[in-house]
Amino acid sequence: MSGSFLFNKQPVPVNVAVTGNTVTTIVDATLKAIMVPSFEVNENAGGTQNLTVEIYDGTNSRYLSDDAGTTWKARPVTAYKGYKFTAVYPIPQGSKLRVTSSSATGDFHVIGTKLPTV
């Protein structure tokens, strides 16, 4: 895999609902690397389930920290709160940005932008 990225100039919206206790892929870079300049995870159901936010390469997970410095590996959320991730995240080819809720009724919404490779 090359260490350089070449991206389109126009951001593409990210808008994904997480509605259960399964892993939900937010950005899939299986075929091409993708840069995610920012995204936000919002809890919408008034619950306090656990949240995991990671970049997964098929073998290893790299857990992401939000703007407040909290690393999101099975961490409890606050009801109706949003968590911002603005560190700019390169998702290498073969990897995925994923979100997992611990609740079967987990109701998160992930919004943001991505810059696909050309």
PDB file of N, CA and C in Angstrom:
ATOM      1  N   MET A   1       0.852  -1.174   0.000  1.00  0.00           N
ATOM      2  CA  MET A   1       0.000   0.000   0.000  1.00  0.00           C
ATOM      3  C   MET A   1       0.890   1.227   0.000  1.00  0.00           C
ATOM      4  N   SER A   2       0.555   2.197  -0.787  1.00  0.00           N
ATOM      5  CA  SER A   2       1.305   3.433  -0.878  1.00  0.00           C
ATOM      6  C   SER A   2       1.053   4.292   0.345  1.00  0.00           C
ATOM      7  N   GLY A   3       2.041   5.089   0.715  1.00  0.00           N
ATOM      8  CA  GLY A   3       1.899   5.967   1.864  1.00  0.00           C
ATOM      9  C   GLY A   3       1.289   7.302   1.507  1.00  0.00           C
ATOM     10  N   SER A   4       0.974   7.549   0.246  1.00  0.00           N
ATOM     11  CA  SER A   4       0.404   8.834  -0.140  1.00  0.00           C
ATOM     12  C   SER A   4      -1.059   8.671  -0.517  1.00  0.00           C
ATOM     13  N   PHE A   5      -1.788   9.763  -0.372  1.00  0.00           N
ATOM     14  CA  PHE A   5      -3.204   9.795  -0.687  1.00  0.00           C
ATOM     15  C   PHE A   5      -3.451  10.911  -1.692  1.00  0.00           C
ATOM     16  N   LEU A   6      -4.345  10.712  -2.650  1.00  0.00           N
ATOM     17  CA  LEU A   6      -4.780  11.747  -3.568  1.00  0.00           C
ATOM     18  C   LEU A   6      -6.297  11.755  -3.496  1.00  0.00           C
ATOM     19  N   PHE A   7      -6.875  12.897  -3.088  1.00  0.00           N
ATOM     20  CA  PHE A   7      -8.300  12.953  -2.804  1.00  0.00           C
ATOM     21  C   PHE A   7      -9.024  13.916  -3.726  1.00  0.00           C
ATOM     22  N   ASN A   8     -10.310  13.640  -3.946  1.00  0.00           N
ATOM     23  CA  ASN A   8     -11.178  14.586  -4.630  1.00  0.00           C
ATOM     24  C   ASN A   8     -11.260  15.845  -3.793  1.00  0.00           C
ATOM     25  N   LYS A   9     -11.562  16.968  -4.433  1.00  0.00           N
ATOM     26  CA  LYS A   9     -11.650  18.228  -3.701  1.00  0.00           C
ATOM     27  C   LYS A   9     -13.018  18.444  -3.072  1.00  0.00           C
ATOM     28  N   GLN A  10     -14.042  17.775  -3.564  1.00  0.00           N
ATOM     29  CA  GLN A  10     -15.397  17.970  -3.054  1.00  0.00           C
ATOM     30  C   GLN A  10     -15.719  16.971  -1.949  1.00  0.00           C
ATOM     31  N   PRO A  11     -16.084  17.450  -0.764  1.00  0.00           N
ATOM     32  CA  PRO A  11     -16.469  16.516   0.293  1.00  0.00           C
ATOM     33  C   PRO A  11     -17.784  15.815  -0.041  1.00  0.00           C
ATOM     34  N   VAL A  12     -17.900  14.601   0.443  1.00  0.00           N
ATOM     35  CA  VAL A  12     -19.097  13.796   0.271  1.00  0.00           C
ATOM     36  C   VAL A  12     -19.718  13.636   1.659  1.00  0.00           C
ATOM     37  N   PRO A  13     -21.030  13.854   1.793  1.00  0.00           N
ATOM     38  CA  PRO A  13     -21.638  13.742   3.117  1.00  0.00           C
ATOM     39  C   PRO A  13     -21.625  12.309   3.655  1.00  0.00           C
ATOM     40  N   VAL A  14     -21.478  12.215   4.963  1.00  0.00           N
ATOM     41  CA  VAL A  14     -21.631  10.963   5.701  1.00  0.00           C
ATOM     42  C   VAL A  14     -22.899  11.141   6.524  1.00  0.00           C
ATOM     43  N   ASN A  15     -23.821  10.187   6.422  1.00  0.00           N
ATOM     44  CA  ASN A  15     -25.094  10.289   7.131  1.00  0.00           C
ATOM     45  C   ASN A  15     -25.587   8.861   7.374  1.00  0.00           C
ATOM     46  N   VAL A  16     -25.246   8.305   8.541  1.00  0.00           N
ATOM     47  CA  VAL A  16     -25.512   6.890   8.812  1.00  0.00           C
ATOM     48  C   VAL A  16     -26.218   6.746  10.158  1.00  0.00           C
ATOM     49  N   ALA A  17     -27.292   5.962  10.188  1.00  0.00           N
ATOM     50  CA  ALA A  17     -27.987   5.633  11.425  1.00  0.00           C
ATOM     51  C   ALA A  17     -27.437   4.322  11.982  1.00  0.00           C
ATOM     52  N   VAL A  18     -27.229   4.289  13.290  1.00  0.00           N
ATOM     53  CA  VAL A  18     -26.804   3.079  14.000  1.00  0.00           C
ATOM     54  C   VAL A  18     -27.984   2.692  14.876  1.00  0.00           C
ATOM     55  N   THR A  19     -28.630   1.553  14.569  1.00  0.00           N
ATOM     56  CA  THR A  19     -29.896   1.246  15.231  1.00  0.00           C
ATOM     57  C   THR A  19     -29.900  -0.057  16.009  1.00  0.00           C
ATOM     58  N   GLY A  20     -28.789  -0.654  16.243  1.00  0.00           N
ATOM     59  CA  GLY A  20     -28.774  -1.899  17.005  1.00  0.00           C
ATOM     60  C   GLY A  20     -27.411  -2.153  17.594  1.00  0.00           C
ATOM     61  N   ASN A  21     -27.252  -3.336  18.203  1.00  0.00           N
ATOM     62  CA  ASN A  21     -25.988  -3.656  18.867  1.00  0.00           C
ATOM     63  C   ASN A  21     -25.048  -4.444  17.949  1.00  0.00           C
ATOM     64  N   THR A  22     -25.057  -4.124  16.676  1.00  0.00           N
ATOM     65  CA  THR A  22     -24.118  -4.723  15.742  1.00  0.00           C
ATOM     66  C   THR A  22     -23.133  -3.654  15.280  1.00  0.00           C
ATOM     67  N   VAL A  23     -22.022  -4.095  14.731  1.00  0.00           N
ATOM     68  CA  VAL A  23     -21.036  -3.166  14.183  1.00  0.00           C
ATOM     69  C   VAL A  23     -21.629  -2.522  12.936  1.00  0.00           C
ATOM     70  N   THR A  24     -21.565  -1.206  12.840  1.00  0.00           N
ATOM     71  CA  THR A  24     -22.073  -0.478  11.682  1.00  0.00           C
ATOM     72  C   THR A  24     -20.918   0.219  10.988  1.00  0.00           C
ATOM     73  N   THR A  25     -20.738  -0.063   9.712  1.00  0.00           N
ATOM     74  CA  THR A  25     -19.696   0.601   8.942  1.00  0.00           C
ATOM     75  C   THR A  25     -20.176   1.999   8.570  1.00  0.00           C
ATOM     76  N   ILE A  26     -19.374   3.000   8.924  1.00  0.00           N
ATOM     77  CA  ILE A  26     -19.680   4.397   8.626  1.00  0.00           C
ATOM     78  C   ILE A  26     -19.024   4.795   7.310  1.00  0.00           C
ATOM     79  N   VAL A  27     -17.757   4.442   7.139  1.00  0.00           N
ATOM     80  CA  VAL A  27     -17.009   4.723   5.914  1.00  0.00           C
ATOM     81  C   VAL A  27     -16.253   3.454   5.543  1.00  0.00           C
ATOM     82  N   ASP A  28     -16.446   2.979   4.314  1.00  0.00           N
ATOM     83  CA  ASP A  28     -15.817   1.751   3.842  1.00  0.00           C
ATOM     84  C   ASP A  28     -14.708   2.094   2.847  1.00  0.00           C
ATOM     85  N   ALA A  29     -13.466   1.870   3.255  1.00  0.00           N
ATOM     86  CA  ALA A  29     -12.310   2.123   2.390  1.00  0.00           C
ATOM     87  C   ALA A  29     -11.715   0.812   1.890  1.00  0.00           C
ATOM     88  N   THR A  30     -12.551  -0.200   1.724  1.00  0.00           N
ATOM     89  CA  THR A  30     -12.080  -1.508   1.279  1.00  0.00           C
ATOM     90  C   THR A  30     -11.327  -1.412  -0.046  1.00  0.00           C
ATOM     91  N   LEU A  31     -11.847  -0.628  -0.982  1.00  0.00           N
ATOM     92  CA  LEU A  31     -11.247  -0.553  -2.314  1.00  0.00           C
ATOM     93  C   LEU A  31     -10.295   0.626  -2.494  1.00  0.00           C
ATOM     94  N   LYS A  32     -10.567   1.741  -1.819  1.00  0.00           N
ATOM     95  CA  LYS A  32      -9.744   2.947  -1.951  1.00  0.00           C
ATOM     96  C   LYS A  32      -9.651   3.653  -0.603  1.00  0.00           C
ATOM     97  N   ALA A  33      -8.506   4.265  -0.334  1.00  0.00           N
ATOM     98  CA  ALA A  33      -8.340   5.057   0.883  1.00  0.00           C
ATOM     99  C   ALA A  33      -9.312   6.237   0.875  1.00  0.00           C
ATOM    100  N   ILE A  34      -9.750   6.623   2.062  1.00  0.00           N
ATOM    101  CA  ILE A  34     -10.688   7.734   2.213  1.00  0.00           C
ATOM    102  C   ILE A  34     -10.228   8.577   3.395  1.00  0.00           C
ATOM    103  N   MET A  35     -10.282   9.895   3.245  1.00  0.00           N
ATOM    104  CA  MET A  35      -9.977  10.807   4.342  1.00  0.00           C
ATOM    105  C   MET A  35     -11.295  11.298   4.930  1.00  0.00           C
ATOM    106  N   VAL A  36     -11.388  11.272   6.251  1.00  0.00           N
ATOM    107  CA  VAL A  36     -12.579  11.769   6.940  1.00  0.00           C
ATOM    108  C   VAL A  36     -12.143  12.998   7.743  1.00  0.00           C
ATOM    109  N   PRO A  37     -12.448  14.209   7.235  1.00  0.00           N
ATOM    110  CA  PRO A  37     -12.002  15.409   7.935  1.00  0.00           C
ATOM    111  C   PRO A  37     -12.690  15.621   9.276  1.00  0.00           C
ATOM    112  N   SER A  38     -13.940  15.201   9.379  1.00  0.00           N
ATOM    113  CA  SER A  38     -14.655  15.353  10.641  1.00  0.00           C
ATOM    114  C   SER A  38     -15.952  14.556  10.599  1.00  0.00           C
ATOM    115  N   PHE A  39     -16.399  14.183  11.788  1.00  0.00           N
ATOM    116  CA  PHE A  39     -17.721  13.570  11.920  1.00  0.00           C
ATOM    117  C   PHE A  39     -18.194  13.754  13.347  1.00  0.00           C
ATOM    118  N   GLU A  40     -19.478  13.520  13.542  1.00  0.00           N
ATOM    119  CA  GLU A  40     -20.097  13.661  14.860  1.00  0.00           C
ATOM    120  C   GLU A  40     -20.997  12.464  15.090  1.00  0.00           C
ATOM    121  N   VAL A  41     -20.960  11.913  16.312  1.00  0.00           N
ATOM    122  CA  VAL A  41     -21.826  10.805  16.701  1.00  0.00           C
ATOM    123  C   VAL A  41     -22.801  11.348  17.737  1.00  0.00           C
ATOM    124  N   ASN A  42     -24.098  11.237  17.446  1.00  0.00           N
ATOM    125  CA  ASN A  42     -25.138  11.759  18.330  1.00  0.00           C
ATOM    126  C   ASN A  42     -25.998  10.629  18.871  1.00  0.00           C
ATOM    127  N   GLU A  43     -26.248  10.641  20.172  1.00  0.00           N
ATOM    128  CA  GLU A  43     -27.151   9.677  20.806  1.00  0.00           C
ATOM    129  C   GLU A  43     -28.550  10.268  20.728  1.00  0.00           C
ATOM    130  N   ASN A  44     -29.494   9.529  20.124  1.00  0.00           N
ATOM    131  CA  ASN A  44     -30.822  10.076  19.842  1.00  0.00           C
ATOM    132  C   ASN A  44     -31.971   9.443  20.607  1.00  0.00           C
ATOM    133  N   ALA A  45     -31.726   8.402  21.409  1.00  0.00           N
ATOM    134  CA  ALA A  45     -32.830   7.673  22.036  1.00  0.00           C
ATOM    135  C   ALA A  45     -32.984   7.961  23.520  1.00  0.00           C
ATOM    136  N   GLY A  46     -32.096   8.761  24.085  1.00  0.00           N
ATOM    137  CA  GLY A  46     -32.177   9.029  25.521  1.00  0.00           C
ATOM    138  C   GLY A  46     -31.583   7.908  26.338  1.00  0.00           C
ATOM    139  N   GLY A  47     -30.784   7.055  25.699  1.00  0.00           N
ATOM    140  CA  GLY A  47     -30.179   5.922  26.397  1.00  0.00           C
ATOM    141  C   GLY A  47     -28.764   6.220  26.848  1.00  0.00           C
ATOM    142  N   THR A  48     -28.218   5.293  27.611  1.00  0.00           N
ATOM    143  CA  THR A  48     -26.847   5.438  28.118  1.00  0.00           C
ATOM    144  C   THR A  48     -26.039   4.183  27.785  1.00  0.00           C
ATOM    145  N   GLN A  49     -26.234   3.661  26.593  1.00  0.00           N
ATOM    146  CA  GLN A  49     -25.496   2.473  26.167  1.00  0.00           C
ATOM    147  C   GLN A  49     -24.019   2.806  25.953  1.00  0.00           C
ATOM    148  N   ASN A  50     -23.229   1.771  25.714  1.00  0.00           N
ATOM    149  CA  ASN A  50     -21.810   1.961  25.421  1.00  0.00           C
ATOM    150  C   ASN A  50     -21.618   2.186  23.928  1.00  0.00           C
ATOM    151  N   LEU A  51     -20.569   2.942  23.603  1.00  0.00           N
ATOM    152  CA  LEU A  51     -20.246   3.285  22.221  1.00  0.00           C
ATOM    153  C   LEU A  51     -18.791   2.938  21.942  1.00  0.00           C
ATOM    154  N   THR A  52     -18.539   2.366  20.768  1.00  0.00           N
ATOM    155  CA  THR A  52     -17.184   2.130  20.290  1.00  0.00           C
ATOM    156  C   THR A  52     -17.053   2.790  18.926  1.00  0.00           C
ATOM    157  N   VAL A  53     -15.947   3.534  18.726  1.00  0.00           N
ATOM    158  CA  VAL A  53     -15.646   4.166  17.449  1.00  0.00           C
ATOM    159  C   VAL A  53     -14.237   3.732  17.077  1.00  0.00           C
ATOM    160  N   GLU A  54     -14.090   3.118  15.888  1.00  0.00           N
ATOM    161  CA  GLU A  54     -12.797   2.534  15.537  1.00  0.00           C
ATOM    162  C   GLU A  54     -12.525   2.575  14.045  1.00  0.00           C
ATOM    163  N   ILE A  55     -11.245   2.476  13.727  1.00  0.00           N
ATOM    164  CA  ILE A  55     -10.806   2.172  12.372  1.00  0.00           C
ATOM    165  C   ILE A  55     -10.330   0.727  12.428  1.00  0.00           C
ATOM    166  N   TYR A  56     -10.937  -0.117  11.604  1.00  0.00           N
ATOM    167  CA  TYR A  56     -10.670  -1.555  11.628  1.00  0.00           C
ATOM    168  C   TYR A  56     -10.101  -1.980  10.286  1.00  0.00           C
ATOM    169  N   ASP A  57      -8.959  -2.677  10.310  1.00  0.00           N
ATOM    170  CA  ASP A  57      -8.297  -3.081   9.066  1.00  0.00           C
ATOM    171  C   ASP A  57      -8.510  -4.551   8.706  1.00  0.00           C
ATOM    172  N   GLY A  58      -9.440  -5.199   9.366  1.00  0.00           N
ATOM    173  CA  GLY A  58      -9.698  -6.618   9.113  1.00  0.00           C
ATOM    174  C   GLY A  58      -9.040  -7.501  10.154  1.00  0.00           C
ATOM    175  N   THR A  59      -8.068  -6.949  10.873  1.00  0.00           N
ATOM    176  CA  THR A  59      -7.371  -7.668  11.937  1.00  0.00           C
ATOM    177  C   THR A  59      -7.295  -6.845  13.216  1.00  0.00           C
ATOM    178  N   ASN A  60      -6.917  -5.582  13.084  1.00  0.00           N
ATOM    179  CA  ASN A  60      -6.680  -4.712  14.236  1.00  0.00           C
ATOM    180  C   ASN A  60      -7.674  -3.563  14.291  1.00  0.00           C
ATOM    181  N   SER A  61      -8.011  -3.177  15.524  1.00  0.00           N
ATOM    182  CA  SER A  61      -8.850  -2.006  15.753  1.00  0.00           C
ATOM    183  C   SER A  61      -7.998  -0.877  16.302  1.00  0.00           C
ATOM    184  N   ARG A  62      -8.249   0.317  15.808  1.00  0.00           N
ATOM    185  CA  ARG A  62      -7.627   1.521  16.340  1.00  0.00           C
ATOM    186  C   ARG A  62      -8.772   2.398  16.822  1.00  0.00           C
ATOM    187  N   TYR A  63      -8.885   2.518  18.139  1.00  0.00           N
ATOM    188  CA  TYR A  63      -9.999   3.228  18.741  1.00  0.00           C
ATOM    189  C   TYR A  63      -9.736   4.727  18.694  1.00  0.00           C
ATOM    190  N   LEU A  64     -10.752   5.490  18.284  1.00  0.00           N
ATOM    191  CA  LEU A  64     -10.597   6.918  18.089  1.00  0.00           C
ATOM    192  C   LEU A  64     -10.972   7.703  19.334  1.00  0.00           C
ATOM    193  N   SER A  65     -10.339   8.856  19.476  1.00  0.00           N
ATOM    194  CA  SER A  65     -10.652   9.799  20.546  1.00  0.00           C
ATOM    195  C   SER A  65     -11.432  10.963  19.967  1.00  0.00           C
ATOM    196  N   ASP A  66     -12.407  11.439  20.730  1.00  0.00           N
ATOM    197  CA  ASP A  66     -13.182  12.595  20.295  1.00  0.00           C
ATOM    198  C   ASP A  66     -12.419  13.879  20.635  1.00  0.00           C
ATOM    199  N   ASP A  67     -13.034  15.023  20.356  1.00  0.00           N
ATOM    200  CA  ASP A  67     -12.378  16.308  20.586  1.00  0.00           C
ATOM    201  C   ASP A  67     -12.105  16.587  22.066  1.00  0.00           C
ATOM    202  N   ALA A  68     -12.832  15.917  22.946  1.00  0.00           N
ATOM    203  CA  ALA A  68     -12.607  16.096  24.389  1.00  0.00           C
ATOM    204  C   ALA A  68     -11.502  15.183  24.912  1.00  0.00           C
ATOM    205  N   GLY A  69     -10.974  14.310  24.048  1.00  0.00           N
ATOM    206  CA  GLY A  69      -9.885  13.418  24.452  1.00  0.00           C
ATOM    207  C   GLY A  69     -10.329  12.069  24.969  1.00  0.00           C
ATOM    208  N   THR A  70     -11.612  11.756  24.879  1.00  0.00           N
ATOM    209  CA  THR A  70     -12.127  10.465  25.322  1.00  0.00           C
ATOM    210  C   THR A  70     -11.908   9.430  24.228  1.00  0.00           C
ATOM    211  N   THR A  71     -11.274   8.312  24.562  1.00  0.00           N
ATOM    212  CA  THR A  71     -11.095   7.210  23.614  1.00  0.00           C
ATOM    213  C   THR A  71     -12.330   6.324  23.688  1.00  0.00           C
ATOM    214  N   TRP A  72     -12.935   6.067  22.517  1.00  0.00           N
ATOM    215  CA  TRP A  72     -14.229   5.395  22.458  1.00  0.00           C
ATOM    216  C   TRP A  72     -14.091   3.904  22.187  1.00  0.00           C
ATOM    217  N   LYS A  73     -13.774   3.169  23.258  1.00  0.00           N
ATOM    218  CA  LYS A  73     -13.786   1.703  23.236  1.00  0.00           C
ATOM    219  C   LYS A  73     -14.757   1.262  24.335  1.00  0.00           C
ATOM    220  N   ALA A  74     -15.983   0.941  23.942  1.00  0.00           N
ATOM    221  CA  ALA A  74     -17.034   0.504  24.871  1.00  0.00           C
ATOM    222  C   ALA A  74     -17.187   1.470  26.040  1.00  0.00           C
ATOM    223  N   ARG A  75     -17.328   2.764  25.724  1.00  0.00           N
ATOM    224  CA  ARG A  75     -17.497   3.808  26.737  1.00  0.00           C
ATOM    225  C   ARG A  75     -18.962   4.186  26.840  1.00  0.00           C
ATOM    226  N   PRO A  76     -19.467   4.442  28.049  1.00  0.00           N
ATOM    227  CA  PRO A  76     -20.859   4.872  28.195  1.00  0.00           C
ATOM    228  C   PRO A  76     -21.063   6.286  27.657  1.00  0.00           C
ATOM    229  N   VAL A  77     -22.196   6.496  27.030  1.00  0.00           N
ATOM    230  CA  VAL A  77     -22.539   7.810  26.505  1.00  0.00           C
ATOM    231  C   VAL A  77     -23.517   8.503  27.431  1.00  0.00           C
ATOM    232  N   THR A  78     -23.677   9.787  27.232  1.00  0.00           N
ATOM    233  CA  THR A  78     -24.692  10.574  27.911  1.00  0.00           C
ATOM    234  C   THR A  78     -25.897  10.680  26.984  1.00  0.00           C
ATOM    235  N   ALA A  79     -27.091  10.503  27.532  1.00  0.00           N
ATOM    236  CA  ALA A  79     -28.309  10.569  26.725  1.00  0.00           C
ATOM    237  C   ALA A  79     -28.398  11.896  25.988  1.00  0.00           C
ATOM    238  N   TYR A  80     -28.755  11.821  24.711  1.00  0.00           N
ATOM    239  CA  TYR A  80     -28.971  12.972  23.829  1.00  0.00           C
ATOM    240  C   TYR A  80     -27.729  13.843  23.626  1.00  0.00           C
ATOM    241  N   LYS A  81     -26.561  13.310  23.834  1.00  0.00           N
ATOM    242  CA  LYS A  81     -25.335  14.090  23.672  1.00  0.00           C
ATOM    243  C   LYS A  81     -24.659  13.750  22.346  1.00  0.00           C
ATOM    244  N   GLY A  82     -23.970  14.729  21.781  1.00  0.00           N
ATOM    245  CA  GLY A  82     -23.193  14.532  20.562  1.00  0.00           C
ATOM    246  C   GLY A  82     -21.705  14.555  20.883  1.00  0.00           C
ATOM    247  N   TYR A  83     -20.933  13.776  20.136  1.00  0.00           N
ATOM    248  CA  TYR A  83     -19.485  13.682  20.323  1.00  0.00           C
ATOM    249  C   TYR A  83     -18.814  14.013  18.996  1.00  0.00           C
ATOM    250  N   LYS A  84     -17.918  15.019  19.008  1.00  0.00           N
ATOM    251  CA  LYS A  84     -17.268  15.482  17.787  1.00  0.00           C
ATOM    252  C   LYS A  84     -15.884  14.869  17.640  1.00  0.00           C
ATOM    253  N   PHE A  85     -15.577  14.496  16.396  1.00  0.00           N
ATOM    254  CA  PHE A  85     -14.287  13.920  16.016  1.00  0.00           C
ATOM    255  C   PHE A  85     -13.759  14.766  14.851  1.00  0.00           C
ATOM    256  N   THR A  86     -12.793  15.651  15.119  1.00  0.00           N
ATOM    257  CA  THR A  86     -12.328  16.575  14.076  1.00  0.00           C
ATOM    258  C   THR A  86     -10.816  16.517  13.868  1.00  0.00           C
ATOM    259  N   ALA A  87     -10.180  15.429  14.233  1.00  0.00           N
ATOM    260  CA  ALA A  87      -8.724  15.326  14.123  1.00  0.00           C
ATOM    261  C   ALA A  87      -8.250  15.019  12.706  1.00  0.00           C
ATOM    262  N   VAL A  88      -9.131  14.786  11.759  1.00  0.00           N
ATOM    263  CA  VAL A  88      -8.861  14.354  10.386  1.00  0.00           C
ATOM    264  C   VAL A  88      -8.318  12.920  10.425  1.00  0.00           C
ATOM    265  N   TYR A  89      -9.119  12.000   9.915  1.00  0.00           N
ATOM    266  CA  TYR A  89      -8.826  10.576  10.014  1.00  0.00           C
ATOM    267  C   TYR A  89      -8.590   9.971   8.643  1.00  0.00           C
ATOM    268  N   PRO A  90      -7.359   9.566   8.327  1.00  0.00           N
ATOM    269  CA  PRO A  90      -7.124   8.826   7.089  1.00  0.00           C
ATOM    270  C   PRO A  90      -7.553   7.379   7.285  1.00  0.00           C
ATOM    271  N   ILE A  91      -8.451   6.908   6.443  1.00  0.00           N
ATOM    272  CA  ILE A  91      -8.899   5.520   6.491  1.00  0.00           C
ATOM    273  C   ILE A  91      -8.152   4.805   5.354  1.00  0.00           C
ATOM    274  N   PRO A  92      -7.124   4.015   5.678  1.00  0.00           N
ATOM    275  CA  PRO A  92      -6.318   3.384   4.635  1.00  0.00           C
ATOM    276  C   PRO A  92      -7.132   2.374   3.818  1.00  0.00           C
ATOM    277  N   GLN A  93      -6.687   2.154   2.595  1.00  0.00           N
ATOM    278  CA  GLN A  93      -7.324   1.142   1.762  1.00  0.00           C
ATOM    279  C   GLN A  93      -7.352  -0.178   2.522  1.00  0.00           C
ATOM    280  N   GLY A  94      -8.489  -0.847   2.500  1.00  0.00           N
ATOM    281  CA  GLY A  94      -8.662  -2.117   3.198  1.00  0.00           C
ATOM    282  C   GLY A  94      -9.235  -1.972   4.594  1.00  0.00           C
ATOM    283  N   SER A  95      -9.494  -0.734   5.020  1.00  0.00           N
ATOM    284  CA  SER A  95      -9.993  -0.488   6.376  1.00  0.00           C
ATOM    285  C   SER A  95     -11.400   0.094   6.348  1.00  0.00           C
ATOM    286  N   LYS A  96     -12.008   0.168   7.541  1.00  0.00           N
ATOM    287  CA  LYS A  96     -13.350   0.736   7.689  1.00  0.00           C
ATOM    288  C   LYS A  96     -13.403   1.576   8.955  1.00  0.00           C
ATOM    289  N   LEU A  97     -14.137   2.678   8.884  1.00  0.00           N
ATOM    290  CA  LEU A  97     -14.494   3.445  10.068  1.00  0.00           C
ATOM    291  C   LEU A  97     -15.816   2.858  10.543  1.00  0.00           C
ATOM    292  N   ARG A  98     -15.828   2.371  11.799  1.00  0.00           N
ATOM    293  CA  ARG A  98     -17.014   1.671  12.305  1.00  0.00           C
ATOM    294  C   ARG A  98     -17.457   2.241  13.644  1.00  0.00           C
ATOM    295  N   VAL A  99     -18.761   2.103  13.910  1.00  0.00           N
ATOM    296  CA  VAL A  99     -19.363   2.489  15.179  1.00  0.00           C
ATOM    297  C   VAL A  99     -20.182   1.310  15.685  1.00  0.00           C
ATOM    298  N   THR A 100     -20.065   1.042  16.991  1.00  0.00           N
ATOM    299  CA  THR A 100     -20.831  -0.043  17.603  1.00  0.00           C
ATOM    300  C   THR A 100     -21.544   0.486  18.837  1.00  0.00           C
ATOM    301  N   SER A 101     -22.824   0.163  18.963  1.00  0.00           N
ATOM    302  CA  SER A 101     -23.613   0.448  20.158  1.00  0.00           C
ATOM    303  C   SER A 101     -23.791  -0.851  20.931  1.00  0.00           C
ATOM    304  N   SER A 102     -23.784  -0.780  22.263  1.00  0.00           N
ATOM    305  CA  SER A 102     -23.962  -1.989  23.067  1.00  0.00           C
ATOM    306  C   SER A 102     -25.427  -2.342  23.298  1.00  0.00           C
ATOM    307  N   SER A 103     -26.336  -1.499  22.847  1.00  0.00           N
ATOM    308  CA  SER A 103     -27.755  -1.713  23.101  1.00  0.00           C
ATOM    309  C   SER A 103     -28.471  -2.177  21.839  1.00  0.00           C
ATOM    310  N   ALA A 104     -29.372  -3.146  22.011  1.00  0.00           N
ATOM    311  CA  ALA A 104     -30.155  -3.624  20.877  1.00  0.00           C
ATOM    312  C   ALA A 104     -31.038  -2.515  20.321  1.00  0.00           C
ATOM    313  N   THR A 105     -31.351  -1.538  21.146  1.00  0.00           N
ATOM    314  CA  THR A 105     -32.168  -0.413  20.692  1.00  0.00           C
ATOM    315  C   THR A 105     -31.327   0.847  20.542  1.00  0.00           C
ATOM    316  N   GLY A 106     -30.007   0.680  20.517  1.00  0.00           N
ATOM    317  CA  GLY A 106     -29.111   1.820  20.372  1.00  0.00           C
ATOM    318  C   GLY A 106     -29.510   2.681  19.199  1.00  0.00           C
ATOM    319  N   ASP A 107     -29.562   3.968  19.418  1.00  0.00           N
ATOM    320  CA  ASP A 107     -29.992   4.886  18.379  1.00  0.00           C
ATOM    321  C   ASP A 107     -28.983   6.028  18.296  1.00  0.00           C
ATOM    322  N   PHE A 108     -27.967   5.837  17.455  1.00  0.00           N
ATOM    323  CA  PHE A 108     -26.982   6.870  17.188  1.00  0.00           C
ATOM    324  C   PHE A 108     -27.149   7.336  15.757  1.00  0.00           C
ATOM    325  N   HIS A 109     -26.708   8.533  15.518  1.00  0.00           N
ATOM    326  CA  HIS A 109     -26.660   9.047  14.155  1.00  0.00           C
ATOM    327  C   HIS A 109     -25.270   9.617  13.952  1.00  0.00           C
ATOM    328  N   VAL A 110     -24.641   9.258  12.843  1.00  0.00           N
ATOM    329  CA  VAL A 110     -23.304   9.732  12.527  1.00  0.00           C
ATOM    330  C   VAL A 110     -23.399  10.625  11.295  1.00  0.00           C
ATOM    331  N   ILE A 111     -22.938  11.871  11.443  1.00  0.00           N
ATOM    332  CA  ILE A 111     -22.923  12.804  10.324  1.00  0.00           C
ATOM    333  C   ILE A 111     -21.517  13.368  10.163  1.00  0.00           C
ATOM    334  N   GLY A 112     -21.165  13.717   8.967  1.00  0.00           N
ATOM    335  CA  GLY A 112     -19.855  14.295   8.717  1.00  0.00           C
ATOM    336  C   GLY A 112     -19.585  14.373   7.237  1.00  0.00           C
ATOM    337  N   THR A 113     -18.294  14.373   6.891  1.00  0.00           N
ATOM    338  CA  THR A 113     -17.875  14.414   5.497  1.00  0.00           C
ATOM    339  C   THR A 113     -16.711  13.467   5.266  1.00  0.00           C
ATOM    340  N   LYS A 114     -16.544  13.088   4.001  1.00  0.00           N
ATOM    341  CA  LYS A 114     -15.401  12.264   3.615  1.00  0.00           C
ATOM    342  C   LYS A 114     -14.879  12.768   2.278  1.00  0.00           C
ATOM    343  N   LEU A 115     -13.595  12.478   2.030  1.00  0.00           N
ATOM    344  CA  LEU A 115     -12.953  12.853   0.782  1.00  0.00           C
ATOM    345  C   LEU A 115     -12.413  11.583   0.137  1.00  0.00           C
ATOM    346  N   PRO A 116     -13.136  10.993  -0.823  1.00  0.00           N
ATOM    347  CA  PRO A 116     -12.670   9.753  -1.443  1.00  0.00           C
ATOM    348  C   PRO A 116     -11.439   9.986  -2.312  1.00  0.00           C
ATOM    349  N   THR A 117     -10.658   8.961  -2.482  1.00  0.00           N
ATOM    350  CA  THR A 117      -9.498   9.031  -3.384  1.00  0.00           C
ATOM    351  C   THR A 117      -9.962   9.041  -4.825  1.00  0.00           C
ATOM    352  N   VAL A 118      -9.084   9.497  -5.682  1.00  0.00           N
ATOM    353  CA  VAL A 118      -9.389   9.488  -7.128  1.00  0.00           C
ATOM    354  C   VAL A 118      -8.600   8.381  -7.786  1.00  0.00           C
TER     355      VAL A 118
END
